[in-house]
Amino acid sequence: MPRRIKLEPHLTPEELERGYRSAKSGILRSHYHIIWLLSQGKTTLEVSEITRKIKGANPCVNVVQQAQLWQALQDQPADGDLWDGLKVAQWMSDIMSD
């Protein structure tokens, strides 16, 4: 039998739905959605199936650009230091402007 997660009733299902529908952050929206579904008595399996069907936003780089980024990350960045988020963002900005 699928497991059920017991929730403490801090918010009503209606409040959870409002939080889900009004959340600006995708992560926060996902959290509200999962908890809202659980508050309706859905099993973890049902919640997993429902939320797995939701597609996220399209990636900001295509498959070729993803491969180019992966290849770039195999080497050191131009400054000889380590890759970090800022350097990856700059690299992506440069390749997208080409």
C-alpha atoms as a PDB file:
ATOM      1  CA  MET A   1       0.000   0.000   0.000  1.00  0.00           C
ATOM      2  CA  PRO A   2       1.376   3.477  -0.874  1.00  0.00           C
ATOM      3  CA  ARG A   3       2.692   5.490   2.033  1.00  0.00           C
ATOM      4  CA  ARG A   4       0.863   8.512   3.330  1.00  0.00           C
ATOM      5  CA  ILE A   5       2.649  11.457   4.873  1.00  0.00           C
ATOM      6  CA  LYS A   6       0.941  12.966   7.904  1.00  0.00           C
ATOM      7  CA  LEU A   7       0.899  16.759   7.892  1.00  0.00           C
ATOM      8  CA  GLU A   8       0.534  19.060  10.854  1.00  0.00           C
ATOM      9  CA  PRO A   9      -2.409  21.389  10.056  1.00  0.00           C
ATOM     10  CA  HIS A  10      -0.597  24.741  10.074  1.00  0.00           C
ATOM     11  CA  LEU A  11      -2.441  25.909   6.946  1.00  0.00           C
ATOM     12  CA  THR A  12      -5.756  24.844   5.452  1.00  0.00           C
ATOM     13  CA  PRO A  13      -5.838  23.190   2.031  1.00  0.00           C
ATOM     14  CA  GLU A  14      -7.350  26.428   0.682  1.00  0.00           C
ATOM     15  CA  GLU A  15      -4.445  28.483   2.083  1.00  0.00           C
ATOM     16  CA  LEU A  16      -1.965  26.020   0.596  1.00  0.00           C
ATOM     17  CA  GLU A  17      -3.670  26.281  -2.796  1.00  0.00           C
ATOM     18  CA  ARG A  18      -3.530  30.084  -2.639  1.00  0.00           C
ATOM     19  CA  GLY A  19       0.164  29.893  -1.750  1.00  0.00           C
ATOM     20  CA  TYR A  20       0.763  27.518  -4.676  1.00  0.00           C
ATOM     21  CA  ARG A  21      -1.089  29.709  -7.168  1.00  0.00           C
ATOM     22  CA  SER A  22       0.471  32.986  -6.016  1.00  0.00           C
ATOM     23  CA  ALA A  23       4.089  31.877  -5.497  1.00  0.00           C
ATOM     24  CA  LYS A  24       6.559  33.758  -7.682  1.00  0.00           C
ATOM     25  CA  SER A  25       9.461  31.350  -7.121  1.00  0.00           C
ATOM     26  CA  GLY A  26       9.295  28.006  -8.916  1.00  0.00           C
ATOM     27  CA  ILE A  27      10.775  26.239  -5.906  1.00  0.00           C
ATOM     28  CA  LEU A  28       8.280  27.763  -3.493  1.00  0.00           C
ATOM     29  CA  ARG A  29       5.441  26.957  -5.927  1.00  0.00           C
ATOM     30  CA  SER A  30       6.613  23.318  -6.051  1.00  0.00           C
ATOM     31  CA  HIS A  31       6.758  23.093  -2.269  1.00  0.00           C
ATOM     32  CA  TYR A  32       3.257  24.521  -1.900  1.00  0.00           C
ATOM     33  CA  HIS A  33       1.954  22.237  -4.646  1.00  0.00           C
ATOM     34  CA  ILE A  34       3.335  19.085  -3.033  1.00  0.00           C
ATOM     35  CA  ILE A  35       2.072  20.010   0.432  1.00  0.00           C
ATOM     36  CA  TRP A  36      -1.317  21.059  -0.977  1.00  0.00           C
ATOM     37  CA  LEU A  37      -1.690  17.696  -2.739  1.00  0.00           C
ATOM     38  CA  LEU A  38      -0.691  15.831   0.431  1.00  0.00           C
ATOM     39  CA  SER A  39      -3.215  17.892   2.433  1.00  0.00           C
ATOM     40  CA  GLN A  40      -5.928  16.496   0.142  1.00  0.00           C
ATOM     41  CA  GLY A  41      -5.033  12.961   1.241  1.00  0.00           C
ATOM     42  CA  LYS A  42      -3.065  12.001  -1.857  1.00  0.00           C
ATOM     43  CA  THR A  43      -0.372   9.331  -1.418  1.00  0.00           C
ATOM     44  CA  THR A  44       3.297   9.987  -2.061  1.00  0.00           C
ATOM     45  CA  LEU A  45       2.989   7.925  -5.236  1.00  0.00           C
ATOM     46  CA  GLU A  46       0.060  10.026  -6.488  1.00  0.00           C
ATOM     47  CA  VAL A  47       1.901  13.271  -5.678  1.00  0.00           C
ATOM     48  CA  SER A  48       4.993  11.983  -7.447  1.00  0.00           C
ATOM     49  CA  GLU A  49       3.008  11.081 -10.563  1.00  0.00           C
ATOM     50  CA  ILE A  50       1.197  14.433 -10.643  1.00  0.00           C
ATOM     51  CA  THR A  51       4.272  16.582 -10.102  1.00  0.00           C
ATOM     52  CA  ARG A  52       6.476  14.549 -12.481  1.00  0.00           C
ATOM     53  CA  LYS A  53       4.132  15.418 -15.364  1.00  0.00           C
ATOM     54  CA  ILE A  54       4.710  19.157 -14.907  1.00  0.00           C
ATOM     55  CA  LYS A  55       7.273  20.472 -17.331  1.00  0.00           C
ATOM     56  CA  GLY A  56       9.609  23.202 -16.222  1.00  0.00           C
ATOM     57  CA  ALA A  57      10.660  26.181 -18.275  1.00  0.00           C
ATOM     58  CA  ASN A  58      12.588  25.611 -21.470  1.00  0.00           C
ATOM     59  CA  PRO A  59      16.347  25.628 -20.945  1.00  0.00           C
ATOM     60  CA  CYS A  60      18.067  28.901 -21.735  1.00  0.00           C
ATOM     61  CA  VAL A  61      20.681  27.083 -23.837  1.00  0.00           C
ATOM     62  CA  ASN A  62      20.107  24.544 -26.577  1.00  0.00           C
ATOM     63  CA  VAL A  63      21.654  21.070 -26.790  1.00  0.00           C
ATOM     64  CA  VAL A  64      24.666  22.289 -28.794  1.00  0.00           C
ATOM     65  CA  GLN A  65      25.343  25.083 -26.305  1.00  0.00           C
ATOM     66  CA  GLN A  66      25.015  22.621 -23.416  1.00  0.00           C
ATOM     67  CA  ALA A  67      27.638  20.407 -25.051  1.00  0.00           C
ATOM     68  CA  GLN A  68      29.892  23.424 -25.603  1.00  0.00           C
ATOM     69  CA  LEU A  69      29.523  24.412 -21.949  1.00  0.00           C
ATOM     70  CA  TRP A  70      30.329  20.889 -20.806  1.00  0.00           C
ATOM     71  CA  GLN A  71      33.436  20.933 -22.998  1.00  0.00           C
ATOM     72  CA  ALA A  72      34.485  24.350 -21.680  1.00  0.00           C
ATOM     73  CA  LEU A  73      34.115  23.124 -18.094  1.00  0.00           C
ATOM     74  CA  GLN A  74      36.603  20.331 -18.781  1.00  0.00           C
ATOM     75  CA  ASP A  75      39.373  22.950 -18.980  1.00  0.00           C
ATOM     76  CA  GLN A  76      40.344  25.751 -16.643  1.00  0.00           C
ATOM     77  CA  PRO A  77      38.728  29.117 -17.264  1.00  0.00           C
ATOM     78  CA  ALA A  78      40.753  31.835 -18.998  1.00  0.00           C
ATOM     79  CA  ASP A  79      42.007  33.258 -15.675  1.00  0.00           C
ATOM     80  CA  GLY A  80      43.510  29.872 -14.716  1.00  0.00           C
ATOM     81  CA  ASP A  81      41.443  29.672 -11.515  1.00  0.00           C
ATOM     82  CA  LEU A  82      38.402  27.440 -10.897  1.00  0.00           C
ATOM     83  CA  TRP A  83      34.996  27.694 -12.538  1.00  0.00           C
ATOM     84  CA  ASP A  84      32.302  29.413 -10.480  1.00  0.00           C
ATOM     85  CA  GLY A  85      28.778  30.631 -11.177  1.00  0.00           C
ATOM     86  CA  LEU A  86      29.890  34.070 -12.304  1.00  0.00           C
ATOM     87  CA  LYS A  87      32.401  32.657 -14.804  1.00  0.00           C
ATOM     88  CA  VAL A  88      29.830  30.216 -16.202  1.00  0.00           C
ATOM     89  CA  ALA A  89      27.303  33.059 -16.549  1.00  0.00           C
ATOM     90  CA  GLN A  90      29.896  35.179 -18.374  1.00  0.00           C
ATOM     91  CA  TRP A  91      30.791  32.266 -20.646  1.00  0.00           C
ATOM     92  CA  MET A  92      27.088  31.720 -21.416  1.00  0.00           C
ATOM     93  CA  SER A  93      26.591  35.418 -22.091  1.00  0.00           C
ATOM     94  CA  ASP A  94      29.519  35.387 -24.512  1.00  0.00           C
ATOM     95  CA  ILE A  95      28.321  32.311 -26.410  1.00  0.00           C
ATOM     96  CA  MET A  96      24.719  33.543 -26.593  1.00  0.00           C
ATOM     97  CA  SER A  97      25.846  36.834 -28.119  1.00  0.00           C
ATOM     98  CA  ASP A  98      27.750  35.050 -30.932  1.00  0.00           C
END
